[in-house]
Amino acid sequence: MKKYLSKLLNKTTSSLSAQLLTAAFLGAIQVFAFAPFQQWWVLYPSFIGIFLLLKKTQQQHKKLFLVSFVFNLSMFVATLHWIYVSMDLFGGMPLIISALLIVLLCAYLALFPSLALWLTYKIPTQSSVIRLLLIMPSVWLITDWLRGWVLTGFPWAYLGYSHADTVLVGFAPIVGVQGITLAILLICACLTLLILKKSQKLASLLILALVMSGYSLKKLTFTELQPAIKVALVQGNIDQNKKWEPNELYPSILKYLELSGVKNSKDNSGNDLITAKKPAETELVIWPESAIAGLEVDMQRFLQSLSLKFTEENKALLTGIINYDVNNKDYYNSIIMLGKLPPGQGYSQTSPNRYAKHQLLPIGEFVPFEDLLRPLAPYFNLPMSSFQRGGAIQENLKFSNSTLAPALCYEIAFPELLRKNVHEKTGLIITLSNDAWFGDSIGPAQHLEIARMRAIELGRPLLRSTNNGITAIYDSLGNELGRLPSNTDAVLRRTVQPAYGQTPYQQVGQTPLFIFCLLSLISAFILIKRKAA
């Protein structure tokens, strides 16, 4: 690999255009590291290649940033191009406008890692060890953190997600997904040092230490399994084009009832009469995000009747619905629980056993600069795009046998948000989503990959219920227990063991990574000053 990369870079980097094309190629191949491709190894030639390429341009600061930017822009375009599906199918936007908006979004996201690479090679030092082992991983993690926070954040495609099936996943319960990212960057840096024939012994030992540490940590468990419960995740596969039409509300609800083993009929007075079709086999039934495509305030008679029936059958129902606060005139993307619940937690319109989404999706659930954007195109007026936020920290949902930490759709990509809502006695992680907005693209597979990492970080089983896929269940180690194929109406039934306890990451979060960054940058500064003296 050393000879191949050296030859490739020498032949293709003699001009700026060749350098930019090489950078674009090296960035674009990173898409194959993530789901659904899961070829994690491509990250290594990608980063080694860009490190060697930037070494050639480090004396020209404008060119240095341009090459870095093209590398990261191509990475984000290749990885996030699927966002165009929602614009094309549901936004009513011309193709050229959709493409332009995707490029603008990716250009914005590319600024963060590009700044990291630019700083890595701009800081004056002749030591490749200081540059690659101390400066680069530190500034990369800092800019990744900024990307996940600035303007509400977009923490998609962290490098660590690609390595859930490698030994490096052992770092996830210790320091989270970004601990894996750090390990990947350090290994890429060490491989680059080996190619450059710099500090080869140190580089070899560090690679060995990271791999062996990950392997050893992967064998550890930090949570204790509890008595099993039977769950049923219902995938309704409701057509997104029809979902919010008023005359489709009850047909879609009847479909969910049918799949759940419940039927809805009328009594002699014309009132809803909900009855079971067969004996209850599950303790917890889960419907996806906004499975009930109506306002909770308007569905009270139906919901009360449904809750009563589930209580009689000794099971609980968890479903997504839209909550409307009639006093403040605010809408919330919510989860409610019905049926068999602990005393004082039973269903009512004001019951505490509910969750309101906190991390809203830009454009889809709120429109930044809406006075400017909403008049531009139908895409900025998608159904239900004016939600209010729930609290950042909320009570776990409860049912008779366990407690649940919920996350709605996009929220599952924010590891710290979920971590702060998981407690020692939280038994399960529940995430509801509706990825029908993105069709048959690679987006839903990436979304599932992200959700799986939350199970590994927090040592809890994860149940993911979606409208049309990918519905899946993972155990507390991130092993898949089952999934449903996309674009099918079906039910995933499994027996799951909740887990109690705390992983190190759950207790301290990313604090060790911040300490690493601080100490690394201080060490780099001291070493650079000493060498200069």
Protein backbone atom coordinates (compact mmCIF):
# COMPACT_ATOMS: atom_id res chain seq x y z
CA MET A 1 0.00 0.00 0.00
CA LYS A 2 2.90 2.35 0.75
CA LYS A 3 4.33 2.13 -2.78
CA TYR A 4 0.92 2.37 -4.41
CA LEU A 5 -0.11 5.51 -2.52
CA SER A 6 3.24 7.20 -3.10
CA LYS A 7 3.14 6.52 -6.83
CA LEU A 8 -0.47 7.60 -7.11
CA LEU A 9 0.13 10.88 -5.32
CA ASN A 10 3.34 11.67 -7.20
CA LYS A 11 1.66 11.14 -10.57
CA THR A 12 -1.61 12.91 -9.83
CA THR A 13 -0.64 15.93 -7.76
CA SER A 14 1.58 17.93 -10.07
CA SER A 15 -1.11 20.60 -10.66
CA LEU A 16 -3.86 22.16 -8.60
CA SER A 17 -6.61 20.58 -10.70
CA ALA A 18 -5.04 17.15 -10.24
CA GLN A 19 -4.74 17.75 -6.50
CA LEU A 20 -8.39 18.75 -6.26
CA LEU A 21 -9.54 15.71 -8.25
CA THR A 22 -7.45 13.45 -6.04
CA ALA A 23 -8.87 15.09 -2.91
CA ALA A 24 -12.42 14.71 -4.24
CA PHE A 25 -11.87 11.01 -4.94
CA LEU A 26 -10.31 10.39 -1.52
CA GLY A 27 -13.23 12.10 0.20
CA ALA A 28 -16.01 10.50 -1.86
CA ILE A 29 -14.92 6.92 -1.18
CA GLN A 30 -15.67 7.43 2.51
CA VAL A 31 -19.36 6.83 1.79
CA PHE A 32 -18.55 3.13 1.43
CA ALA A 33 -17.38 2.97 5.04
CA PHE A 34 -20.92 3.58 6.29
CA ALA A 35 -24.16 1.62 5.98
CA PRO A 36 -25.41 0.05 3.83
CA PHE A 37 -21.96 -0.68 2.32
CA GLN A 38 -20.07 -1.09 5.62
CA GLN A 39 -16.62 -1.32 4.07
CA TRP A 40 -14.98 0.33 7.08
CA TRP A 41 -11.45 -0.18 5.78
CA VAL A 42 -11.83 2.52 3.06
CA LEU A 43 -11.34 5.21 5.70
CA TYR A 44 -7.68 4.27 6.02
CA PRO A 45 -6.53 4.83 2.39
CA SER A 46 -8.79 7.90 2.31
CA PHE A 47 -7.12 9.61 5.28
CA ILE A 48 -3.60 8.41 4.52
CA GLY A 49 -4.02 9.77 1.01
CA ILE A 50 -5.22 13.19 2.15
CA PHE A 51 -2.48 13.44 4.79
CA LEU A 52 0.18 12.79 2.16
CA LEU A 53 -1.49 15.17 -0.29
CA LEU A 54 -1.73 17.98 2.26
CA LYS A 55 1.93 17.49 3.16
CA LYS A 56 2.74 18.46 -0.41
CA THR A 57 0.67 21.65 -0.22
CA GLN A 58 1.26 22.74 3.37
CA GLN A 59 3.42 25.73 2.43
CA GLN A 60 0.62 27.26 0.34
CA HIS A 61 -2.09 28.11 2.83
CA LYS A 62 -4.86 29.02 0.36
CA LYS A 63 -4.29 25.86 -1.64
CA LEU A 64 -4.09 23.91 1.60
CA PHE A 65 -7.57 24.96 2.66
CA LEU A 66 -9.01 24.44 -0.83
CA VAL A 67 -7.72 20.88 -1.04
CA SER A 68 -9.02 20.17 2.47
CA PHE A 69 -12.40 21.66 1.60
CA VAL A 70 -12.82 19.67 -1.60
CA PHE A 71 -11.90 16.47 0.28
CA ASN A 72 -14.60 17.05 2.90
CA LEU A 73 -17.18 18.49 0.50
CA SER A 74 -17.03 15.37 -1.67
CA MET A 75 -17.29 13.21 1.44
CA PHE A 76 -20.49 14.92 2.61
CA VAL A 77 -22.05 15.06 -0.86
CA ALA A 78 -21.44 11.34 -1.35
CA THR A 79 -22.69 10.48 2.14
CA LEU A 80 -25.69 12.85 2.42
CA HIS A 81 -26.92 13.11 -1.17
CA TRP A 82 -30.02 11.12 -0.15
CA ILE A 83 -31.53 14.24 1.46
CA TYR A 84 -32.55 15.32 -2.05
CA VAL A 85 -35.25 12.59 -2.04
CA SER A 86 -37.46 14.53 0.38
CA MET A 87 -37.02 17.65 -1.74
CA ASP A 88 -37.81 15.81 -4.95
CA LEU A 89 -40.73 13.64 -3.80
CA PHE A 90 -42.37 15.89 -1.21
CA GLY A 91 -40.89 19.37 -1.55
CA GLY A 92 -42.01 20.29 -5.05
CA MET A 93 -38.61 21.74 -5.91
CA PRO A 94 -36.87 21.68 -9.31
CA LEU A 95 -33.94 19.27 -9.54
CA ILE A 96 -31.38 22.03 -10.03
CA ILE A 97 -32.58 23.85 -6.89
CA SER A 98 -32.57 20.64 -4.86
CA ALA A 99 -29.02 19.87 -6.01
CA LEU A 100 -27.87 23.38 -5.18
CA LEU A 101 -29.33 23.21 -1.67
CA ILE A 102 -27.65 19.85 -1.04
CA VAL A 103 -24.30 21.25 -2.15
CA LEU A 104 -24.76 24.32 0.06
CA LEU A 105 -25.60 22.16 3.08
CA CYS A 106 -22.61 19.92 2.44
CA ALA A 107 -20.36 22.94 1.90
CA TYR A 108 -21.40 24.28 5.29
CA LEU A 109 -20.75 20.92 6.99
CA ALA A 110 -17.41 20.59 5.18
CA LEU A 111 -16.15 23.82 6.73
CA PHE A 112 -15.71 22.14 10.13
CA PRO A 113 -13.36 19.23 9.25
CA SER A 114 -11.68 21.41 6.62
CA LEU A 115 -10.76 23.86 9.35
CA ALA A 116 -9.32 20.93 11.33
CA LEU A 117 -7.10 19.78 8.44
CA TRP A 118 -6.07 23.35 7.60
CA LEU A 119 -5.03 24.02 11.20
CA THR A 120 -3.20 20.70 11.34
CA TYR A 121 -0.90 21.69 8.50
CA LYS A 122 -0.82 25.45 9.08
CA ILE A 123 0.60 25.26 12.61
CA PRO A 124 4.38 25.59 12.12
CA THR A 125 6.25 22.43 13.05
CA GLN A 126 8.66 20.15 11.23
CA SER A 127 7.60 17.16 13.33
CA SER A 128 5.14 14.82 11.62
CA VAL A 129 4.62 13.10 14.97
CA ILE A 130 3.43 16.30 16.65
CA ARG A 131 1.32 17.21 13.65
CA LEU A 132 -0.40 13.85 13.14
CA LEU A 133 -0.59 12.36 16.62
CA LEU A 134 -1.24 15.44 18.76
CA ILE A 135 -2.66 18.27 16.66
CA MET A 136 -4.74 16.51 14.00
CA PRO A 137 -6.96 14.24 16.14
CA SER A 138 -7.51 17.00 18.70
CA VAL A 139 -8.67 19.68 16.28
CA TRP A 140 -10.73 17.11 14.35
CA LEU A 141 -12.66 16.14 17.49
CA ILE A 142 -13.16 19.79 18.43
CA THR A 143 -14.59 20.69 15.01
CA ASP A 144 -16.74 17.55 15.04
CA TRP A 145 -18.15 18.72 18.35
CA LEU A 146 -18.84 22.15 16.84
CA ARG A 147 -20.57 20.57 13.83
CA GLY A 148 -22.89 18.75 16.23
CA TRP A 149 -23.72 21.94 18.15
CA VAL A 150 -23.63 25.10 15.98
CA LEU A 151 -27.08 26.11 14.62
CA THR A 152 -28.68 23.17 16.53
CA GLY A 153 -26.07 20.81 15.08
CA PHE A 154 -25.87 18.07 12.46
CA PRO A 155 -23.76 15.25 13.96
CA TRP A 156 -24.23 12.79 11.09
CA ALA A 157 -21.49 10.54 9.67
CA TYR A 158 -19.08 10.57 12.60
CA LEU A 159 -16.26 8.25 11.57
CA GLY A 160 -16.82 5.94 14.54
CA TYR A 161 -20.20 4.76 13.24
CA SER A 162 -18.46 2.79 10.50
CA HIS A 163 -16.61 0.55 12.97
CA ALA A 164 -19.45 -1.06 14.94
CA ASP A 165 -18.35 -4.50 13.72
CA THR A 166 -14.63 -4.08 14.43
CA VAL A 167 -12.53 -4.42 17.57
CA LEU A 168 -12.47 -0.64 17.93
CA VAL A 169 -16.14 -0.72 18.99
CA GLY A 170 -14.84 -1.61 22.45
CA PHE A 171 -14.16 2.11 22.98
CA ALA A 172 -17.86 3.03 22.55
CA PRO A 173 -19.09 2.13 26.08
CA ILE A 174 -16.01 3.91 27.50
CA VAL A 175 -15.98 7.24 25.65
CA GLY A 176 -18.74 7.01 23.06
CA VAL A 177 -18.71 6.91 19.29
CA GLN A 178 -16.15 9.72 19.14
CA GLY A 179 -13.73 7.52 21.08
CA ILE A 180 -13.83 5.22 18.05
CA THR A 181 -13.32 8.24 15.79
CA LEU A 182 -10.21 9.14 17.79
CA ALA A 183 -8.84 5.60 17.48
CA ILE A 184 -9.44 5.63 13.69
CA LEU A 185 -7.66 8.97 13.27
CA LEU A 186 -4.69 7.84 15.37
CA ILE A 187 -4.32 4.61 13.38
CA CYS A 188 -4.50 6.56 10.09
CA ALA A 189 -1.85 8.93 11.45
CA CYS A 190 0.40 6.03 12.49
CA LEU A 191 0.06 4.34 9.10
CA THR A 192 1.01 7.65 7.46
CA LEU A 193 4.10 7.89 9.69
CA LEU A 194 5.08 4.35 8.66
CA ILE A 195 4.82 5.34 4.99
CA LEU A 196 6.91 8.45 5.65
CA LYS A 197 9.37 6.34 7.68
CA LYS A 198 8.96 8.62 10.69
CA SER A 199 8.95 7.28 14.26
CA GLN A 200 8.09 3.83 12.96
CA LYS A 201 8.51 2.06 16.30
CA LEU A 202 6.19 4.51 18.07
CA ALA A 203 3.63 4.25 15.28
CA SER A 204 3.67 0.45 15.30
CA LEU A 205 3.33 0.26 19.07
CA LEU A 206 0.45 2.74 19.11
CA ILE A 207 -1.48 0.80 16.44
CA LEU A 208 -0.95 -2.42 18.39
CA ALA A 209 -2.03 -0.74 21.64
CA LEU A 210 -5.23 0.65 20.11
CA VAL A 211 -6.23 -2.62 18.48
CA MET A 212 -5.49 -4.69 21.59
CA SER A 213 -7.25 -2.20 23.86
CA GLY A 214 -10.34 -2.23 21.67
CA TYR A 215 -10.29 -6.04 21.59
CA SER A 216 -10.02 -6.27 25.38
CA LEU A 217 -12.67 -3.62 26.06
CA LYS A 218 -15.09 -5.30 23.66
CA LYS A 219 -15.24 -8.29 26.01
CA LEU A 220 -16.42 -6.19 28.97
CA THR A 221 -20.06 -5.72 29.96
CA PHE A 222 -21.24 -2.89 32.19
CA THR A 223 -24.98 -3.54 32.55
CA GLU A 224 -26.98 -6.41 34.03
CA LEU A 225 -29.77 -8.11 32.11
CA GLN A 226 -33.25 -8.14 33.61
CA PRO A 227 -36.23 -10.50 33.11
CA ALA A 228 -37.26 -10.67 29.48
CA ILE A 229 -40.31 -8.95 28.01
CA LYS A 230 -42.17 -9.66 24.78
CA VAL A 231 -42.34 -6.76 22.34
CA ALA A 232 -44.02 -6.21 18.99
CA LEU A 233 -42.83 -3.44 16.66
CA VAL A 234 -45.47 -2.58 14.06
CA GLN A 235 -44.38 -1.28 10.65
CA GLY A 236 -47.48 0.13 8.94
CA ASN A 237 -45.85 1.13 5.63
CA ILE A 238 -48.25 4.04 5.14
CA ASP A 239 -47.85 5.96 1.89
CA GLN A 240 -46.16 9.25 2.79
CA ASN A 241 -48.03 11.07 0.01
CA LYS A 242 -51.34 10.16 1.64
CA LYS A 243 -50.40 10.00 5.31
CA TRP A 244 -51.60 13.49 6.28
CA GLU A 245 -54.77 13.55 4.18
CA PRO A 246 -57.82 13.74 6.50
CA ASN A 247 -59.64 10.85 4.81
CA GLU A 248 -56.61 8.59 5.30
CA LEU A 249 -56.44 8.96 9.10
CA TYR A 250 -58.75 6.14 10.08
CA PRO A 251 -57.69 3.72 7.30
CA SER A 252 -54.10 4.00 8.53
CA ILE A 253 -55.16 3.55 12.17
CA LEU A 254 -57.22 0.48 11.24
CA LYS A 255 -54.14 -0.94 9.52
CA TYR A 256 -52.07 -0.51 12.69
CA LEU A 257 -54.85 -2.08 14.76
CA GLU A 258 -55.05 -5.02 12.38
CA LEU A 259 -51.29 -5.60 12.50
CA SER A 260 -51.36 -5.29 16.30
CA GLY A 261 -54.01 -7.98 16.67
CA VAL A 262 -56.79 -5.53 17.50
CA LYS A 263 -59.87 -4.61 15.51
CA ASN A 264 -62.06 -1.54 15.70
CA SER A 265 -65.82 -1.87 15.30
CA LYS A 266 -68.96 0.09 16.25
CA ASP A 267 -71.56 -0.65 18.92
CA ASN A 268 -75.32 -0.17 18.42
CA SER A 269 -74.97 3.55 19.19
CA GLY A 270 -72.21 4.05 16.63
CA ASN A 271 -69.45 4.41 19.21
CA ASP A 272 -65.98 2.95 18.74
CA LEU A 273 -65.75 -0.58 20.10
CA ILE A 274 -62.20 -1.96 20.20
CA THR A 275 -61.83 -5.71 20.62
CA ALA A 276 -58.93 -8.15 20.56
CA LYS A 277 -58.70 -10.52 17.61
CA LYS A 278 -56.55 -13.06 19.44
CA PRO A 279 -55.04 -13.58 22.91
CA ALA A 280 -52.29 -11.16 23.86
CA GLU A 281 -48.81 -12.47 23.12
CA THR A 282 -46.81 -9.35 23.86
CA GLU A 283 -46.36 -7.01 26.78
CA LEU A 284 -45.36 -3.92 24.81
CA VAL A 285 -46.61 -2.93 21.34
CA ILE A 286 -44.78 -0.10 19.59
CA TRP A 287 -46.08 2.00 16.71
CA PRO A 288 -43.73 4.43 14.90
CA GLU A 289 -43.41 8.21 14.83
CA SER A 290 -46.73 9.97 14.11
CA ALA A 291 -48.38 6.60 13.49
CA ILE A 292 -51.61 8.35 14.47
CA ALA A 293 -51.58 11.19 11.95
CA GLY A 294 -53.94 13.41 13.87
CA LEU A 295 -54.02 15.67 16.87
CA GLU A 296 -54.18 13.97 20.25
CA VAL A 297 -56.82 16.45 21.43
CA ASP A 298 -59.11 15.35 18.59
CA MET A 299 -58.61 11.61 19.18
CA GLN A 300 -59.59 11.36 22.85
CA ARG A 301 -62.58 9.04 22.51
CA PHE A 302 -60.61 6.61 20.38
CA LEU A 303 -57.49 6.78 22.53
CA GLN A 304 -59.38 6.24 25.79
CA SER A 305 -61.15 3.22 24.33
CA LEU A 306 -57.88 1.83 22.94
CA SER A 307 -56.09 2.33 26.25
CA LEU A 308 -58.85 0.51 28.12
CA LYS A 309 -58.64 -2.46 25.78
CA PHE A 310 -54.86 -2.72 26.10
CA THR A 311 -55.21 -2.54 29.89
CA GLU A 312 -57.66 -5.44 29.82
CA GLU A 313 -55.20 -7.42 27.73
CA ASN A 314 -52.43 -6.64 30.26
CA LYS A 315 -50.16 -4.94 27.74
CA ALA A 316 -49.04 -1.43 26.83
CA LEU A 317 -49.01 0.53 23.60
CA LEU A 318 -46.42 3.17 22.75
CA THR A 319 -47.14 5.37 19.74
CA GLY A 320 -46.14 8.59 18.06
CA ILE A 321 -48.78 11.33 17.79
CA ILE A 322 -49.03 15.10 17.44
CA ASN A 323 -49.83 16.91 20.69
CA TYR A 324 -51.54 20.29 20.44
CA ASP A 325 -51.48 22.63 23.42
CA VAL A 326 -54.80 24.46 23.13
CA ASN A 327 -53.73 27.11 25.64
CA ASN A 328 -50.46 28.15 24.00
CA LYS A 329 -51.44 27.10 20.45
CA ASP A 330 -48.25 25.02 20.20
CA TYR A 331 -47.66 21.70 18.42
CA TYR A 332 -45.33 18.98 19.74
CA ASN A 333 -44.05 15.84 18.05
CA SER A 334 -44.84 13.42 20.86
CA ILE A 335 -44.86 9.86 22.16
CA ILE A 336 -47.68 8.66 24.39
CA MET A 337 -48.28 5.41 26.23
CA LEU A 338 -51.61 3.64 26.65
CA GLY A 339 -52.79 0.45 28.30
CA LYS A 340 -51.21 -1.41 31.23
CA LEU A 341 -49.12 1.24 33.01
CA PRO A 342 -47.90 1.79 36.60
CA PRO A 343 -50.32 3.39 39.08
CA GLY A 344 -50.59 7.11 38.45
CA GLN A 345 -49.09 6.74 34.97
CA GLY A 346 -52.26 5.71 33.14
CA TYR A 347 -53.23 7.44 29.92
CA SER A 348 -54.94 10.78 29.83
CA GLN A 349 -54.40 13.89 27.76
CA THR A 350 -52.40 15.37 30.64
CA SER A 351 -50.69 12.19 31.88
CA PRO A 352 -46.96 12.50 32.68
CA ASN A 353 -46.12 9.27 30.83
CA ARG A 354 -45.34 11.01 27.56
CA TYR A 355 -42.42 12.51 25.67
CA ALA A 356 -42.12 15.65 23.53
CA LYS A 357 -39.33 15.79 20.97
CA HIS A 358 -36.52 18.20 21.85
CA GLN A 359 -34.05 18.10 18.94
CA LEU A 360 -36.17 19.25 16.03
CA LEU A 361 -35.22 18.61 12.42
CA PRO A 362 -34.45 21.83 10.52
CA ILE A 363 -36.94 22.44 7.68
CA GLY A 364 -38.89 19.26 8.48
CA GLU A 365 -40.05 20.32 11.98
CA PHE A 366 -39.07 23.95 12.22
CA VAL A 367 -37.96 26.44 9.61
CA PRO A 368 -35.04 28.72 10.50
CA PHE A 369 -35.44 32.22 9.06
CA GLU A 370 -39.00 31.17 8.18
CA ASP A 371 -40.14 34.62 7.10
CA LEU A 372 -37.49 34.45 4.38
CA LEU A 373 -37.63 30.77 3.44
CA ARG A 374 -41.31 29.79 3.59
CA PRO A 375 -42.35 31.94 0.60
CA LEU A 376 -39.59 30.48 -1.59
CA ALA A 377 -40.86 26.94 -2.23
CA PRO A 378 -43.33 24.28 -1.02
CA TYR A 379 -40.38 22.40 0.49
CA PHE A 380 -40.23 24.98 3.26
CA ASN A 381 -43.88 24.36 4.09
CA LEU A 382 -43.86 20.61 4.68
CA PRO A 383 -46.70 19.23 6.85
CA MET A 384 -46.13 19.83 10.56
CA SER A 385 -43.07 22.06 10.13
CA SER A 386 -43.87 24.38 13.03
CA PHE A 387 -43.23 22.30 16.15
CA GLN A 388 -42.12 23.53 19.56
CA ARG A 389 -39.34 21.84 21.54
CA GLY A 390 -39.84 19.58 24.51
CA GLY A 391 -37.36 19.73 27.39
CA ALA A 392 -33.79 18.54 26.91
CA ILE A 393 -34.15 16.24 29.92
CA GLN A 394 -37.46 14.44 30.47
CA GLU A 395 -38.75 11.59 32.61
CA ASN A 396 -38.37 8.08 31.22
CA LEU A 397 -41.52 6.44 29.93
CA LYS A 398 -42.83 3.67 32.17
CA PHE A 399 -44.87 0.54 31.74
CA SER A 400 -45.52 -2.40 34.02
CA ASN A 401 -42.16 -4.16 33.65
CA SER A 402 -39.55 -1.56 32.73
CA THR A 403 -38.60 2.04 31.96
CA LEU A 404 -37.84 3.41 28.51
CA ALA A 405 -35.59 6.23 27.30
CA PRO A 406 -37.18 7.61 24.11
CA ALA A 407 -35.72 9.37 21.09
CA LEU A 408 -37.76 10.57 18.14
CA CYS A 409 -36.22 10.13 14.69
CA TYR A 410 -33.32 12.59 14.20
CA GLU A 411 -32.70 12.83 17.96
CA ILE A 412 -30.98 9.44 18.00
CA ALA A 413 -28.00 11.07 16.21
CA PHE A 414 -27.29 13.23 19.31
CA PRO A 415 -25.44 10.91 21.72
CA GLU A 416 -25.19 13.38 24.59
CA LEU A 417 -28.91 14.20 24.46
CA LEU A 418 -29.86 10.54 24.90
CA ARG A 419 -27.09 9.90 27.46
CA LYS A 420 -28.50 12.56 29.77
CA ASN A 421 -31.90 10.87 29.66
CA VAL A 422 -30.66 7.36 30.45
CA HIS A 423 -30.47 6.45 34.13
CA GLU A 424 -29.21 3.46 36.06
CA LYS A 425 -32.72 1.95 36.08
CA THR A 426 -33.52 2.72 32.45
CA GLY A 427 -34.17 -0.67 30.88
CA LEU A 428 -34.60 0.02 27.15
CA ILE A 429 -33.91 2.64 24.49
CA ILE A 430 -36.86 3.30 22.19
CA THR A 431 -36.55 5.26 18.96
CA LEU A 432 -39.50 5.98 16.68
CA SER A 433 -38.98 7.28 13.18
CA ASN A 434 -40.56 7.84 9.80
CA ASP A 435 -37.89 7.51 7.12
CA ALA A 436 -40.44 7.37 4.31
CA TRP A 437 -39.31 10.95 3.52
CA PHE A 438 -36.12 9.46 2.04
CA GLY A 439 -37.51 6.62 -0.09
CA ASP A 440 -35.20 3.76 -1.02
CA SER A 441 -32.01 5.80 -0.52
CA ILE A 442 -29.08 4.93 1.73
CA GLY A 443 -30.30 7.41 4.37
CA PRO A 444 -32.44 4.98 6.44
CA ALA A 445 -29.55 2.48 6.61
CA GLN A 446 -27.24 5.19 7.95
CA HIS A 447 -29.94 6.20 10.44
CA LEU A 448 -30.18 2.62 11.72
CA GLU A 449 -26.38 2.40 11.98
CA ILE A 450 -26.39 5.49 14.19
CA ALA A 451 -29.18 4.12 16.38
CA ARG A 452 -27.31 0.85 16.87
CA MET A 453 -24.31 2.74 18.27
CA ARG A 454 -26.51 4.21 21.03
CA ALA A 455 -27.25 0.66 22.24
CA ILE A 456 -23.53 -0.12 22.38
CA GLU A 457 -22.57 3.14 24.11
CA LEU A 458 -25.21 2.85 26.81
CA GLY A 459 -25.36 -0.94 27.21
CA ARG A 460 -29.13 -1.05 26.62
CA PRO A 461 -31.30 -2.93 24.13
CA LEU A 462 -32.60 -0.64 21.42
CA LEU A 463 -35.99 -0.97 19.76
CA ARG A 464 -36.44 1.02 16.56
CA SER A 465 -39.93 1.27 15.09
CA THR A 466 -40.42 3.00 11.74
CA ASN A 467 -43.26 3.59 9.29
CA ASN A 468 -41.71 1.82 6.31
CA GLY A 469 -38.24 0.66 7.45
CA ILE A 470 -35.82 -0.06 8.78
CA THR A 471 -37.58 -1.48 11.88
CA ALA A 472 -35.07 -3.42 14.00
CA ILE A 473 -34.12 -4.58 17.49
CA TYR A 474 -30.62 -4.75 19.01
CA ASP A 475 -29.54 -6.25 22.31
CA SER A 476 -27.45 -4.46 24.94
CA LEU A 477 -24.22 -5.30 23.07
CA GLY A 478 -25.46 -4.03 19.73
CA ASN A 479 -26.16 -7.47 18.28
CA GLU A 480 -29.12 -7.53 15.93
CA LEU A 481 -32.08 -9.58 17.17
CA GLY A 482 -34.22 -9.02 14.10
CA ARG A 483 -35.34 -6.53 11.48
CA LEU A 484 -38.16 -6.05 9.00
CA PRO A 485 -37.57 -5.49 5.29
CA SER A 486 -38.26 -1.97 4.06
CA ASN A 487 -41.50 -1.03 2.33
CA THR A 488 -43.52 -3.87 3.84
CA ASP A 489 -46.34 -3.85 6.37
CA ALA A 490 -45.36 -6.34 9.04
CA VAL A 491 -44.75 -6.89 12.75
CA LEU A 492 -41.41 -7.68 14.38
CA ARG A 493 -41.96 -9.81 17.51
CA ARG A 494 -39.08 -10.60 19.82
CA THR A 495 -38.24 -11.34 23.43
CA VAL A 496 -35.92 -8.67 24.81
CA GLN A 497 -34.04 -8.41 28.09
CA PRO A 498 -33.87 -4.88 29.55
CA ALA A 499 -30.54 -3.95 31.14
CA TYR A 500 -29.80 -1.86 34.22
CA GLY A 501 -26.54 -0.25 35.24
CA GLN A 502 -24.16 2.35 33.84
CA THR A 503 -21.43 2.27 31.24
CA PRO A 504 -18.41 4.56 31.79
CA TYR A 505 -19.63 6.69 28.87
CA GLN A 506 -23.05 7.01 30.48
CA GLN A 507 -21.43 8.33 33.67
CA VAL A 508 -18.89 10.81 32.30
CA GLY A 509 -19.81 11.34 28.65
CA GLN A 510 -17.15 12.87 26.40
CA THR A 511 -15.17 14.45 29.23
CA PRO A 512 -12.15 12.12 28.70
CA LEU A 513 -12.02 13.18 25.04
CA PHE A 514 -12.05 16.87 25.96
CA ILE A 515 -9.20 16.22 28.40
CA PHE A 516 -7.29 14.37 25.66
CA CYS A 517 -7.71 17.31 23.28
CA LEU A 518 -6.61 19.83 25.89
CA LEU A 519 -3.52 17.86 26.97
CA SER A 520 -2.56 17.01 23.39
CA LEU A 521 -2.68 20.61 22.22
CA ILE A 522 -0.79 21.83 25.29
CA SER A 523 1.85 19.12 24.71
CA ALA A 524 2.11 20.06 21.04
CA PHE A 525 2.58 23.73 21.91
CA ILE A 526 5.31 22.92 24.46
CA LEU A 527 7.15 20.56 22.10
CA ILE A 528 7.01 23.05 19.22
CA LYS A 529 8.43 25.80 21.46
CA ARG A 530 11.21 23.52 22.67
CA LYS A 531 12.19 22.52 19.14
CA ALA A 532 12.17 26.17 18.07
CA ALA A 533 14.45 27.05 20.98
